[in-house]
C-alpha atoms as a PDB file:
ATOM      1  CA  UNK A   1     121.087  84.481 -31.215  1.00  0.00           C
ATOM      2  CA  UNK A   2     119.025  83.775 -34.400  1.00  0.00           C
ATOM      3  CA  UNK A   3     119.113  80.036 -33.824  1.00  0.00           C
ATOM      4  CA  UNK A   4     117.634  77.703 -32.817  1.00  0.00           C
ATOM      5  CA  UNK A   5     114.367  78.278 -34.486  1.00  0.00           C
ATOM      6  CA  UNK A   6     111.353  78.970 -32.197  1.00  0.00           C
ATOM      7  CA  UNK A   7     109.645  76.090 -33.931  1.00  0.00           C
ATOM      8  CA  UNK A   8     111.954  73.148 -34.540  1.00  0.00           C
ATOM      9  CA  UNK A   9     109.806  71.922 -37.332  1.00  0.00           C
ATOM     10  CA  UNK A  10     110.276  75.129 -39.305  1.00  0.00           C
ATOM     11  CA  UNK A  11     113.075  73.993 -41.621  1.00  0.00           C
ATOM     12  CA  UNK A  12     111.304  70.846 -42.469  1.00  0.00           C
ATOM     13  CA  UNK A  13     108.005  72.478 -43.189  1.00  0.00           C
ATOM     14  CA  UNK A  14     109.799  75.033 -45.379  1.00  0.00           C
ATOM     15  CA  UNK A  15     111.356  72.145 -47.338  1.00  0.00           C
ATOM     16  CA  UNK A  16     107.879  70.679 -47.871  1.00  0.00           C
ATOM     17  CA  UNK A  17     106.356  74.031 -48.856  1.00  0.00           C
ATOM     18  CA  UNK A  18     104.025  74.077 -45.858  1.00  0.00           C
ATOM     19  CA  UNK A  19     105.017  77.578 -44.377  1.00  0.00           C
ATOM     20  CA  UNK A  20     102.231  80.226 -43.908  1.00  0.00           C
ATOM     21  CA  UNK A  21     102.635  83.637 -45.548  1.00  0.00           C
ATOM     22  CA  UNK A  22     103.428  85.153 -42.050  1.00  0.00           C
ATOM     23  CA  UNK A  23     106.121  82.517 -41.306  1.00  0.00           C
ATOM     24  CA  UNK A  24     107.709  83.228 -44.739  1.00  0.00           C
ATOM     25  CA  UNK A  25     107.593  86.972 -44.195  1.00  0.00           C
ATOM     26  CA  UNK A  26     109.246  86.529 -40.672  1.00  0.00           C
ATOM     27  CA  UNK A  27     111.958  84.205 -42.199  1.00  0.00           C
ATOM     28  CA  UNK A  28     112.895  86.940 -44.861  1.00  0.00           C
ATOM     29  CA  UNK A  29     113.726  89.378 -42.031  1.00  0.00           C
ATOM     30  CA  UNK A  30     116.511  87.044 -40.614  1.00  0.00           C
ATOM     31  CA  UNK A  31     120.120  88.022 -41.101  1.00  0.00           C
ATOM     32  CA  UNK A  32     120.839  84.375 -42.151  1.00  0.00           C
ATOM     33  CA  UNK A  33     117.888  84.233 -44.564  1.00  0.00           C
ATOM     34  CA  UNK A  34     120.021  83.864 -47.716  1.00  0.00           C
ATOM     35  CA  UNK A  35     121.958  80.904 -46.210  1.00  0.00           C
ATOM     36  CA  UNK A  36     118.865  79.228 -45.107  1.00  0.00           C
ATOM     37  CA  UNK A  37     117.292  79.601 -48.517  1.00  0.00           C
ATOM     38  CA  UNK A  38     120.355  77.985 -50.030  1.00  0.00           C
ATOM     39  CA  UNK A  39     120.036  74.925 -47.591  1.00  0.00           C
ATOM     40  CA  UNK A  40     116.403  74.322 -48.720  1.00  0.00           C
ATOM     41  CA  UNK A  41     117.067  74.816 -52.360  1.00  0.00           C
ATOM     42  CA  UNK A  42     119.948  72.331 -52.205  1.00  0.00           C
ATOM     43  CA  UNK A  43     117.914  69.881 -50.197  1.00  0.00           C
ATOM     44  CA  UNK A  44     115.122  69.891 -52.838  1.00  0.00           C
ATOM     45  CA  UNK A  45     117.780  68.917 -55.387  1.00  0.00           C
ATOM     46  CA  UNK A  46     118.758  65.753 -53.558  1.00  0.00           C
ATOM     47  CA  UNK A  47     117.276  62.485 -54.750  1.00  0.00           C
ATOM     48  CA  UNK A  48     117.285  58.945 -53.320  1.00  0.00           C
ATOM     49  CA  UNK A  49     119.280  56.426 -55.536  1.00  0.00           C
ATOM     50  CA  UNK A  50     117.279  54.097 -57.605  1.00  0.00           C
ATOM     51  CA  UNK A  51     116.173  50.862 -55.803  1.00  0.00           C
ATOM     52  CA  UNK A  52     115.483  47.868 -57.927  1.00  0.00           C
ATOM     53  CA  UNK A  53     113.232  45.656 -55.933  1.00  0.00           C
ATOM     54  CA  UNK A  54     113.464  42.856 -58.773  1.00  0.00           C
ATOM     55  CA  UNK A  55     117.282  42.785 -58.757  1.00  0.00           C
ATOM     56  CA  UNK A  56     117.402  42.916 -54.951  1.00  0.00           C
ATOM     57  CA  UNK A  57     114.862  40.063 -54.823  1.00  0.00           C
ATOM     58  CA  UNK A  58     116.782  38.040 -57.162  1.00  0.00           C
ATOM     59  CA  UNK A  59     119.893  38.227 -55.131  1.00  0.00           C
ATOM     60  CA  UNK A  60     118.133  37.352 -51.988  1.00  0.00           C
ATOM     61  CA  UNK A  61     116.439  34.298 -53.658  1.00  0.00           C
ATOM     62  CA  UNK A  62     119.939  33.004 -54.900  1.00  0.00           C
ATOM     63  CA  UNK A  63     121.451  33.493 -51.649  1.00  0.00           C
ATOM     64  CA  UNK A  64     118.618  32.376 -49.423  1.00  0.00           C
ATOM     65  CA  UNK A  65     116.309  30.130 -51.394  1.00  0.00           C
ATOM     66  CA  UNK A  66     115.526  27.935 -48.386  1.00  0.00           C
ATOM     67  CA  UNK A  67     114.273  30.796 -46.176  1.00  0.00           C
ATOM     68  CA  UNK A  68     111.023  31.424 -48.203  1.00  0.00           C
ATOM     69  CA  UNK A  69     108.773  34.116 -46.664  1.00  0.00           C
ATOM     70  CA  UNK A  70     111.453  35.052 -44.230  1.00  0.00           C
ATOM     71  CA  UNK A  71     113.374  36.754 -47.006  1.00  0.00           C
ATOM     72  CA  UNK A  72     110.350  39.002 -47.810  1.00  0.00           C
ATOM     73  CA  UNK A  73     110.392  40.384 -44.334  1.00  0.00           C
ATOM     74  CA  UNK A  74     114.172  40.933 -44.679  1.00  0.00           C
ATOM     75  CA  UNK A  75     113.652  42.753 -47.984  1.00  0.00           C
ATOM     76  CA  UNK A  76     111.069  45.070 -46.383  1.00  0.00           C
ATOM     77  CA  UNK A  77     113.370  45.670 -43.431  1.00  0.00           C
ATOM     78  CA  UNK A  78     116.341  46.595 -45.648  1.00  0.00           C
ATOM     79  CA  UNK A  79     114.245  48.937 -47.740  1.00  0.00           C
ATOM     80  CA  UNK A  80     112.854  50.595 -44.516  1.00  0.00           C
ATOM     81  CA  UNK A  81     116.508  50.881 -43.286  1.00  0.00           C
ATOM     82  CA  UNK A  82     117.576  52.434 -46.490  1.00  0.00           C
ATOM     83  CA  UNK A  83     114.877  55.066 -46.349  1.00  0.00           C
ATOM     84  CA  UNK A  84     115.664  55.780 -42.643  1.00  0.00           C
ATOM     85  CA  UNK A  85     119.399  56.200 -43.327  1.00  0.00           C
ATOM     86  CA  UNK A  86     118.791  58.567 -46.265  1.00  0.00           C
ATOM     87  CA  UNK A  87     116.490  60.727 -44.102  1.00  0.00           C
ATOM     88  CA  UNK A  88     119.046  60.629 -41.385  1.00  0.00           C
ATOM     89  CA  UNK A  89     121.866  61.765 -43.773  1.00  0.00           C
ATOM     90  CA  UNK A  90     119.909  64.638 -45.095  1.00  0.00           C
ATOM     91  CA  UNK A  91     119.011  65.689 -41.531  1.00  0.00           C
ATOM     92  CA  UNK A  92     122.651  65.656 -40.534  1.00  0.00           C
ATOM     93  CA  UNK A  93     123.862  67.508 -43.518  1.00  0.00           C
ATOM     94  CA  UNK A  94     121.345  70.300 -43.010  1.00  0.00           C
ATOM     95  CA  UNK A  95     122.078  70.395 -39.221  1.00  0.00           C
ATOM     96  CA  UNK A  96     125.784  70.315 -39.860  1.00  0.00           C
ATOM     97  CA  UNK A  97     125.656  73.015 -42.419  1.00  0.00           C
ATOM     98  CA  UNK A  98     123.506  75.099 -40.070  1.00  0.00           C
ATOM     99  CA  UNK A  99     125.657  74.643 -37.017  1.00  0.00           C
ATOM    100  CA  UNK A 100     128.860  75.617 -38.990  1.00  0.00           C
ATOM    101  CA  UNK A 101     127.378  78.968 -39.992  1.00  0.00           C
ATOM    102  CA  UNK A 102     128.593  82.070 -37.949  1.00  0.00           C
ATOM    103  CA  UNK A 103     126.331  82.996 -35.222  1.00  0.00           C
ATOM    104  CA  UNK A 104     124.548  86.397 -35.081  1.00  0.00           C
ATOM    105  CA  UNK A 105     123.947  88.808 -32.358  1.00  0.00           C
ATOM    106  CA  UNK A 106     120.414  89.548 -31.389  1.00  0.00           C
ATOM    107  CA  UNK A 107     119.416  92.569 -29.254  1.00  0.00           C
ATOM    108  CA  UNK A 108     115.791  92.668 -27.941  1.00  0.00           C
ATOM    109  CA  UNK A 109     113.942  95.176 -25.898  1.00  0.00           C
ATOM    110  CA  UNK A 110     110.879  94.600 -23.713  1.00  0.00           C
ATOM    111  CA  UNK A 111     107.772  96.779 -22.999  1.00  0.00           C
ATOM    112  CA  UNK A 112     108.975 100.292 -21.939  1.00  0.00           C
ATOM    113  CA  UNK A 113     112.597  99.384 -22.431  1.00  0.00           C
ATOM    114  CA  UNK A 114     115.363 101.137 -24.477  1.00  0.00           C
ATOM    115  CA  UNK A 115     118.885  99.829 -25.331  1.00  0.00           C
ATOM    116  CA  UNK A 116     121.790 101.492 -26.895  1.00  0.00           C
ATOM    117  CA  UNK A 117     125.179 100.039 -27.995  1.00  0.00           C
ATOM    118  CA  UNK A 118     127.874  99.823 -30.564  1.00  0.00           C
ATOM    119  CA  UNK A 119     128.193  97.706 -33.762  1.00  0.00           C
ATOM    120  CA  UNK A 120     131.544  96.147 -34.758  1.00  0.00           C
ATOM    121  CA  UNK A 121     132.641  99.105 -36.808  1.00  0.00           C
ATOM    122  CA  UNK A 122     131.928 101.679 -34.187  1.00  0.00           C
ATOM    123  CA  UNK A 123     128.433 102.579 -35.582  1.00  0.00           C
ATOM    124  CA  UNK A 124     125.932 103.018 -32.805  1.00  0.00           C
ATOM    125  CA  UNK A 125     122.303 102.224 -32.247  1.00  0.00           C
ATOM    126  CA  UNK A 126     119.491 102.895 -29.864  1.00  0.00           C
ATOM    127  CA  UNK A 127     116.534 100.510 -29.923  1.00  0.00           C
ATOM    128  CA  UNK A 128     113.172 101.466 -28.706  1.00  0.00           C
ATOM    129  CA  UNK A 129     110.605  99.419 -26.682  1.00  0.00           C
ATOM    130  CA  UNK A 130     109.573  96.070 -28.034  1.00  0.00           C
ATOM    131  CA  UNK A 131     111.984  95.724 -30.878  1.00  0.00           C
ATOM    132  CA  UNK A 132     114.666  93.470 -32.154  1.00  0.00           C
ATOM    133  CA  UNK A 133     118.136  94.059 -33.907  1.00  0.00           C
ATOM    134  CA  UNK A 134     119.948  91.244 -35.502  1.00  0.00           C
ATOM    135  CA  UNK A 135     123.439  91.190 -37.263  1.00  0.00           C
ATOM    136  CA  UNK A 136     126.198  88.871 -38.152  1.00  0.00           C
ATOM    137  CA  UNK A 137     129.340  89.691 -36.027  1.00  0.00           C
ATOM    138  CA  UNK A 138     131.661  87.347 -38.030  1.00  0.00           C
ATOM    139  CA  UNK A 139     130.834  88.633 -41.488  1.00  0.00           C
ATOM    140  CA  UNK A 140     130.507  92.418 -40.512  1.00  0.00           C
ATOM    141  CA  UNK A 141     133.700  93.452 -42.092  1.00  0.00           C
ATOM    142  CA  UNK A 142     132.429  92.078 -45.405  1.00  0.00           C
ATOM    143  CA  UNK A 143     128.790  93.059 -45.015  1.00  0.00           C
ATOM    144  CA  UNK A 144     127.444  95.853 -42.865  1.00  0.00           C
ATOM    145  CA  UNK A 145     123.839  94.771 -42.420  1.00  0.00           C
ATOM    146  CA  UNK A 146     121.435  94.649 -39.599  1.00  0.00           C
ATOM    147  CA  UNK A 147     117.809  93.254 -39.504  1.00  0.00           C
ATOM    148  CA  UNK A 148     115.316  95.438 -37.566  1.00  0.00           C
ATOM    149  CA  UNK A 149     111.840  94.824 -36.300  1.00  0.00           C
ATOM    150  CA  UNK A 150     110.656  97.929 -34.384  1.00  0.00           C
ATOM    151  CA  UNK A 151     112.150 101.292 -34.026  1.00  0.00           C
ATOM    152  CA  UNK A 152     115.865 102.263 -33.827  1.00  0.00           C
ATOM    153  CA  UNK A 153     118.109 105.306 -34.333  1.00  0.00           C
ATOM    154  CA  UNK A 154     121.496 104.763 -36.167  1.00  0.00           C
ATOM    155  CA  UNK A 155     124.676 106.719 -36.250  1.00  0.00           C
ATOM    156  CA  UNK A 156     126.734 105.173 -38.989  1.00  0.00           C
ATOM    157  CA  UNK A 157     130.501 105.445 -39.323  1.00  0.00           C
ATOM    158  CA  UNK A 158     131.741 106.006 -42.843  1.00  0.00           C
ATOM    159  CA  UNK A 159     132.795 103.027 -44.905  1.00  0.00           C
ATOM    160  CA  UNK A 160     131.069 100.432 -47.009  1.00  0.00           C
ATOM    161  CA  UNK A 161     127.291 100.437 -47.527  1.00  0.00           C
ATOM    162  CA  UNK A 162     125.326 100.112 -44.389  1.00  0.00           C
ATOM    163  CA  UNK A 163     121.953  98.371 -44.769  1.00  0.00           C
ATOM    164  CA  UNK A 164     118.942  97.981 -42.404  1.00  0.00           C
ATOM    165  CA  UNK A 165     116.736  95.232 -43.504  1.00  0.00           C
ATOM    166  CA  UNK A 166     112.957  95.116 -42.559  1.00  0.00           C
ATOM    167  CA  UNK A 167     110.057  93.010 -43.538  1.00  0.00           C
ATOM    168  CA  UNK A 168     108.734  95.764 -45.743  1.00  0.00           C
ATOM    169  CA  UNK A 169     111.816  97.442 -47.235  1.00  0.00           C
ATOM    170  CA  UNK A 170     115.621  98.201 -46.969  1.00  0.00           C
ATOM    171  CA  UNK A 171     117.413 101.439 -45.870  1.00  0.00           C
ATOM    172  CA  UNK A 172     120.977 101.993 -47.133  1.00  0.00           C
ATOM    173  CA  UNK A 173     123.646 104.620 -46.328  1.00  0.00           C
ATOM    174  CA  UNK A 174     127.345 105.127 -46.327  1.00  0.00           C
ATOM    175  CA  UNK A 175     127.688 107.424 -43.188  1.00  0.00           C
ATOM    176  CA  UNK A 176     124.785 109.278 -41.646  1.00  0.00           C
ATOM    177  CA  UNK A 177     122.315 109.274 -38.739  1.00  0.00           C
ATOM    178  CA  UNK A 178     118.694 108.321 -39.231  1.00  0.00           C
ATOM    179  CA  UNK A 179     115.653 106.711 -37.474  1.00  0.00           C
ATOM    180  CA  UNK A 180     113.828 103.712 -38.729  1.00  0.00           C
ATOM    181  CA  UNK A 181     110.279 102.595 -37.644  1.00  0.00           C
ATOM    182  CA  UNK A 182     109.429  99.184 -39.103  1.00  0.00           C
ATOM    183  CA  UNK A 183     106.561  96.954 -37.874  1.00  0.00           C
ATOM    184  CA  UNK A 184     104.887  94.482 -40.094  1.00  0.00           C
ATOM    185  CA  UNK A 185     104.167  95.955 -43.581  1.00  0.00           C
ATOM    186  CA  UNK A 186     104.721  99.442 -42.322  1.00  0.00           C
ATOM    187  CA  UNK A 187     108.008 101.523 -42.611  1.00  0.00           C
ATOM    188  CA  UNK A 188     108.908 105.008 -41.809  1.00  0.00           C
ATOM    189  CA  UNK A 189     112.421 106.542 -42.202  1.00  0.00           C
ATOM    190  CA  UNK A 190     113.698 109.851 -40.937  1.00  0.00           C
ATOM    191  CA  UNK A 191     117.127 111.235 -42.107  1.00  0.00           C
ATOM    192  CA  UNK A 192     119.056 113.306 -39.437  1.00  0.00           C
ATOM    193  CA  UNK A 193     122.264 113.871 -41.285  1.00  0.00           C
ATOM    194  CA  UNK A 194     123.749 112.894 -44.611  1.00  0.00           C
ATOM    195  CA  UNK A 195     121.608 110.969 -47.217  1.00  0.00           C
ATOM    196  CA  UNK A 196     119.536 107.793 -46.849  1.00  0.00           C
ATOM    197  CA  UNK A 197     118.339 105.522 -49.577  1.00  0.00           C
ATOM    198  CA  UNK A 198     115.032 103.628 -48.938  1.00  0.00           C
ATOM    199  CA  UNK A 199     113.982 100.746 -51.008  1.00  0.00           C
ATOM    200  CA  UNK A 200     110.343  99.534 -50.925  1.00  0.00           C
ATOM    201  CA  UNK A 201     108.451  97.343 -53.462  1.00  0.00           C
ATOM    202  CA  UNK A 202     108.323 100.156 -55.997  1.00  0.00           C
ATOM    203  CA  UNK A 203     110.839 102.899 -56.971  1.00  0.00           C
ATOM    204  CA  UNK A 204     113.526 103.625 -54.228  1.00  0.00           C
ATOM    205  CA  UNK A 205     113.856 107.159 -52.927  1.00  0.00           C
ATOM    206  CA  UNK A 206     116.787 109.083 -51.473  1.00  0.00           C
ATOM    207  CA  UNK A 207     116.094 111.539 -48.595  1.00  0.00           C
ATOM    208  CA  UNK A 208     118.246 113.993 -46.898  1.00  0.00           C
ATOM    209  CA  UNK A 209     118.576 115.633 -43.498  1.00  0.00           C
ATOM    210  CA  UNK A 210     115.231 116.952 -42.335  1.00  0.00           C
ATOM    211  CA  UNK A 211     113.191 114.661 -44.650  1.00  0.00           C
ATOM    212  CA  UNK A 212     110.899 111.696 -43.853  1.00  0.00           C
ATOM    213  CA  UNK A 213     109.618 108.965 -46.063  1.00  0.00           C
ATOM    214  CA  UNK A 214     106.697 106.641 -45.413  1.00  0.00           C
ATOM    215  CA  UNK A 215     105.700 103.466 -47.175  1.00  0.00           C
ATOM    216  CA  UNK A 216     102.184 103.618 -48.574  1.00  0.00           C
ATOM    217  CA  UNK A 217      99.826 100.786 -48.957  1.00  0.00           C
ATOM    218  CA  UNK A 218     100.413 100.670 -52.870  1.00  0.00           C
ATOM    219  CA  UNK A 219     104.165 100.169 -52.237  1.00  0.00           C
ATOM    220  CA  UNK A 220     105.204 103.708 -53.130  1.00  0.00           C
ATOM    221  CA  UNK A 221     107.180 105.938 -50.793  1.00  0.00           C
ATOM    222  CA  UNK A 222     105.923 109.318 -49.792  1.00  0.00           C
ATOM    223  CA  UNK A 223     108.426 112.027 -48.648  1.00  0.00           C
ATOM    224  CA  UNK A 224     107.692 115.202 -46.593  1.00  0.00           C
ATOM    225  CA  UNK A 225     109.950 117.808 -44.927  1.00  0.00           C
ATOM    226  CA  UNK A 226     110.087 118.039 -41.153  1.00  0.00           C
ATOM    227  CA  UNK A 227     111.282 120.430 -38.517  1.00  0.00           C
ATOM    228  CA  UNK A 228     113.760 118.175 -36.734  1.00  0.00           C
ATOM    229  CA  UNK A 229     115.284 118.251 -33.275  1.00  0.00           C
ATOM    230  CA  UNK A 230     118.795 116.966 -32.836  1.00  0.00           C
ATOM    231  CA  UNK A 231     117.597 113.414 -31.939  1.00  0.00           C
ATOM    232  CA  UNK A 232     114.308 111.542 -32.017  1.00  0.00           C
ATOM    233  CA  UNK A 233     111.819 112.577 -29.303  1.00  0.00           C
ATOM    234  CA  UNK A 234     111.606 109.085 -27.797  1.00  0.00           C
ATOM    235  CA  UNK A 235     115.302 109.563 -26.736  1.00  0.00           C
ATOM    236  CA  UNK A 236     113.848 112.234 -24.304  1.00  0.00           C
ATOM    237  CA  UNK A 237     111.095 110.043 -22.935  1.00  0.00           C
ATOM    238  CA  UNK A 238     108.374 111.411 -25.304  1.00  0.00           C
ATOM    239  CA  UNK A 239     106.541 109.422 -28.078  1.00  0.00           C
ATOM    240  CA  UNK A 240     105.682 111.823 -30.881  1.00  0.00           C
ATOM    241  CA  UNK A 241     102.524 110.757 -32.746  1.00  0.00           C
ATOM    242  CA  UNK A 242     101.842 113.730 -34.847  1.00  0.00           C
ATOM    243  CA  UNK A 243      99.444 112.872 -37.722  1.00  0.00           C
ATOM    244  CA  UNK A 244      99.166 109.177 -36.871  1.00  0.00           C
ATOM    245  CA  UNK A 245      95.950 107.049 -36.743  1.00  0.00           C
ATOM    246  CA  UNK A 246      94.599 106.724 -33.211  1.00  0.00           C
ATOM    247  CA  UNK A 247      94.891 102.931 -33.522  1.00  0.00           C
ATOM    248  CA  UNK A 248      98.672 103.108 -34.002  1.00  0.00           C
ATOM    249  CA  UNK A 249      98.903 105.719 -31.202  1.00  0.00           C
ATOM    250  CA  UNK A 250      97.274 103.178 -28.793  1.00  0.00           C
ATOM    251  CA  UNK A 251      99.637 100.455 -30.040  1.00  0.00           C
ATOM    252  CA  UNK A 252     102.580 102.702 -29.216  1.00  0.00           C
ATOM    253  CA  UNK A 253     101.114 103.389 -25.791  1.00  0.00           C
ATOM    254  CA  UNK A 254     100.969  99.541 -25.065  1.00  0.00           C
ATOM    255  CA  UNK A 255     104.648  99.244 -26.074  1.00  0.00           C
ATOM    256  CA  UNK A 256     105.726 101.848 -23.587  1.00  0.00           C
ATOM    257  CA  UNK A 257     103.717 100.642 -20.709  1.00  0.00           C
ATOM    258  CA  UNK A 258     102.675  97.124 -19.395  1.00  0.00           C
ATOM    259  CA  UNK A 259      99.097  97.776 -20.610  1.00  0.00           C
ATOM    260  CA  UNK A 260      96.213  96.337 -22.398  1.00  0.00           C
ATOM    261  CA  UNK A 261      94.035  98.859 -24.294  1.00  0.00           C
ATOM    262  CA  UNK A 262      90.404  98.225 -25.001  1.00  0.00           C
ATOM    263  CA  UNK A 263      89.167 100.791 -27.295  1.00  0.00           C
ATOM    264  CA  UNK A 264      85.398 100.853 -27.707  1.00  0.00           C
ATOM    265  CA  UNK A 265      83.586 101.982 -30.885  1.00  0.00           C
ATOM    266  CA  UNK A 266      86.784 101.888 -32.970  1.00  0.00           C
ATOM    267  CA  UNK A 267      86.903 104.154 -35.990  1.00  0.00           C
ATOM    268  CA  UNK A 268      89.568 105.775 -38.097  1.00  0.00           C
ATOM    269  CA  UNK A 269      90.701 108.849 -36.394  1.00  0.00           C
ATOM    270  CA  UNK A 270      93.926 110.926 -36.827  1.00  0.00           C
ATOM    271  CA  UNK A 271      95.787 112.151 -33.558  1.00  0.00           C
ATOM    272  CA  UNK A 272      97.881 115.239 -33.493  1.00  0.00           C
ATOM    273  CA  UNK A 273     100.244 115.260 -30.525  1.00  0.00           C
ATOM    274  CA  UNK A 274     102.258 112.771 -28.337  1.00  0.00           C
ATOM    275  CA  UNK A 275     102.535 111.531 -24.804  1.00  0.00           C
ATOM    276  CA  UNK A 276     105.162 110.981 -22.036  1.00  0.00           C
ATOM    277  CA  UNK A 277     106.719 107.463 -21.579  1.00  0.00           C
ATOM    278  CA  UNK A 278     107.058 107.795 -17.725  1.00  0.00           C
ATOM    279  CA  UNK A 279     103.672 108.615 -16.526  1.00  0.00           C
ATOM    280  CA  UNK A 280     100.678 106.435 -17.601  1.00  0.00           C
ATOM    281  CA  UNK A 281      97.808 108.473 -16.398  1.00  0.00           C
ATOM    282  CA  UNK A 282      99.297 111.639 -17.977  1.00  0.00           C
ATOM    283  CA  UNK A 283      99.786 109.825 -21.199  1.00  0.00           C
ATOM    284  CA  UNK A 284      96.135 108.856 -21.269  1.00  0.00           C
ATOM    285  CA  UNK A 285      95.080 112.411 -20.629  1.00  0.00           C
ATOM    286  CA  UNK A 286      97.352 113.565 -23.468  1.00  0.00           C
ATOM    287  CA  UNK A 287      95.661 111.170 -25.942  1.00  0.00           C
ATOM    288  CA  UNK A 288      92.059 111.152 -24.716  1.00  0.00           C
ATOM    289  CA  UNK A 289      91.435 114.900 -23.908  1.00  0.00           C
ATOM    290  CA  UNK A 290      92.029 116.400 -27.288  1.00  0.00           C
ATOM    291  CA  UNK A 291      90.174 113.438 -28.978  1.00  0.00           C
ATOM    292  CA  UNK A 292      87.144 113.982 -26.544  1.00  0.00           C
ATOM    293  CA  UNK A 293      87.451 110.441 -25.215  1.00  0.00           C
ATOM    294  CA  UNK A 294      87.279 109.088 -21.679  1.00  0.00           C
ATOM    295  CA  UNK A 295      89.261 106.372 -20.011  1.00  0.00           C
ATOM    296  CA  UNK A 296      88.881 103.932 -17.118  1.00  0.00           C
ATOM    297  CA  UNK A 297      92.129 102.551 -15.832  1.00  0.00           C
ATOM    298  CA  UNK A 298      92.119  99.174 -13.901  1.00  0.00           C
ATOM    299  CA  UNK A 299      93.148  99.353 -10.257  1.00  0.00           C
ATOM    300  CA  UNK A 300      96.435  97.508 -11.010  1.00  0.00           C
ATOM    301  CA  UNK A 301      97.093  99.713 -14.035  1.00  0.00           C
ATOM    302  CA  UNK A 302      97.478  96.774 -16.418  1.00  0.00           C
ATOM    303  CA  UNK A 303      94.423  97.443 -18.560  1.00  0.00           C
ATOM    304  CA  UNK A 304      92.394 100.533 -19.669  1.00  0.00           C
ATOM    305  CA  UNK A 305      88.996 101.019 -21.332  1.00  0.00           C
ATOM    306  CA  UNK A 306      88.792 103.964 -23.724  1.00  0.00           C
ATOM    307  CA  UNK A 307      85.270 105.201 -24.905  1.00  0.00           C
ATOM    308  CA  UNK A 308      83.530 108.298 -26.230  1.00  0.00           C
ATOM    309  CA  UNK A 309      82.345 110.908 -23.811  1.00  0.00           C
END
């Protein structure tokens, strides 16, 4: 489920313009972001009816002249009551609007876990470790759209446009199979069949089967040709890290194993290879040996120190 919010003050802080850039970016990845934005925009247009203190005071004086200072206290009480009621009405309107919205389906994986399943139209997904996939079941027939954080492989049934939204771009297809890796401001898409349209912050690109596009730091998309296997390597228990920075390779290692990596003397290095997802010590050897690194694994195998030889 996309609701309730992890932080119950989020909607109020959004209304007040108090969200951090990170919180705003996370909000934009939600399947219900457009509806939430409408709530906030509508709420900002609301205004409290004018309250004339003078007119109210005159009425109170005429009605209760004998009560003197007691009427002042009553005036303050009524004004406070009005503001409390107005705030309560706004809160109820927002909560009611939110509660009546269709609920969405959220799929999530833990460290070292993979999940596969079907979407309402028969399209299928396989979600890699430490990822989330969110979509609106009720609106699916009108809008085939999922929100992804992590890595997933999709086989899409033909039909209306199918869109994968991420925090750094969108992927749109009609019927095809493709793999998406999206974490933070990074995005990589590999097309396995058909055609895929990828939209970043700059010009969109279309890729065909056997091509991969990567979102660069300047917002442009870089496309290369690949020698593809029928399915992604992680389907077969292998994480392919060919040409990736070592820092990202170690992050992937942490996602596949319940492991904290302490990498000493960090520097930018590129790794050529991969590692198995079912044998931690072998995985560390695959990574460290060709990079001329050593590792010390804790006795409980929950942390590892990696350092130069």
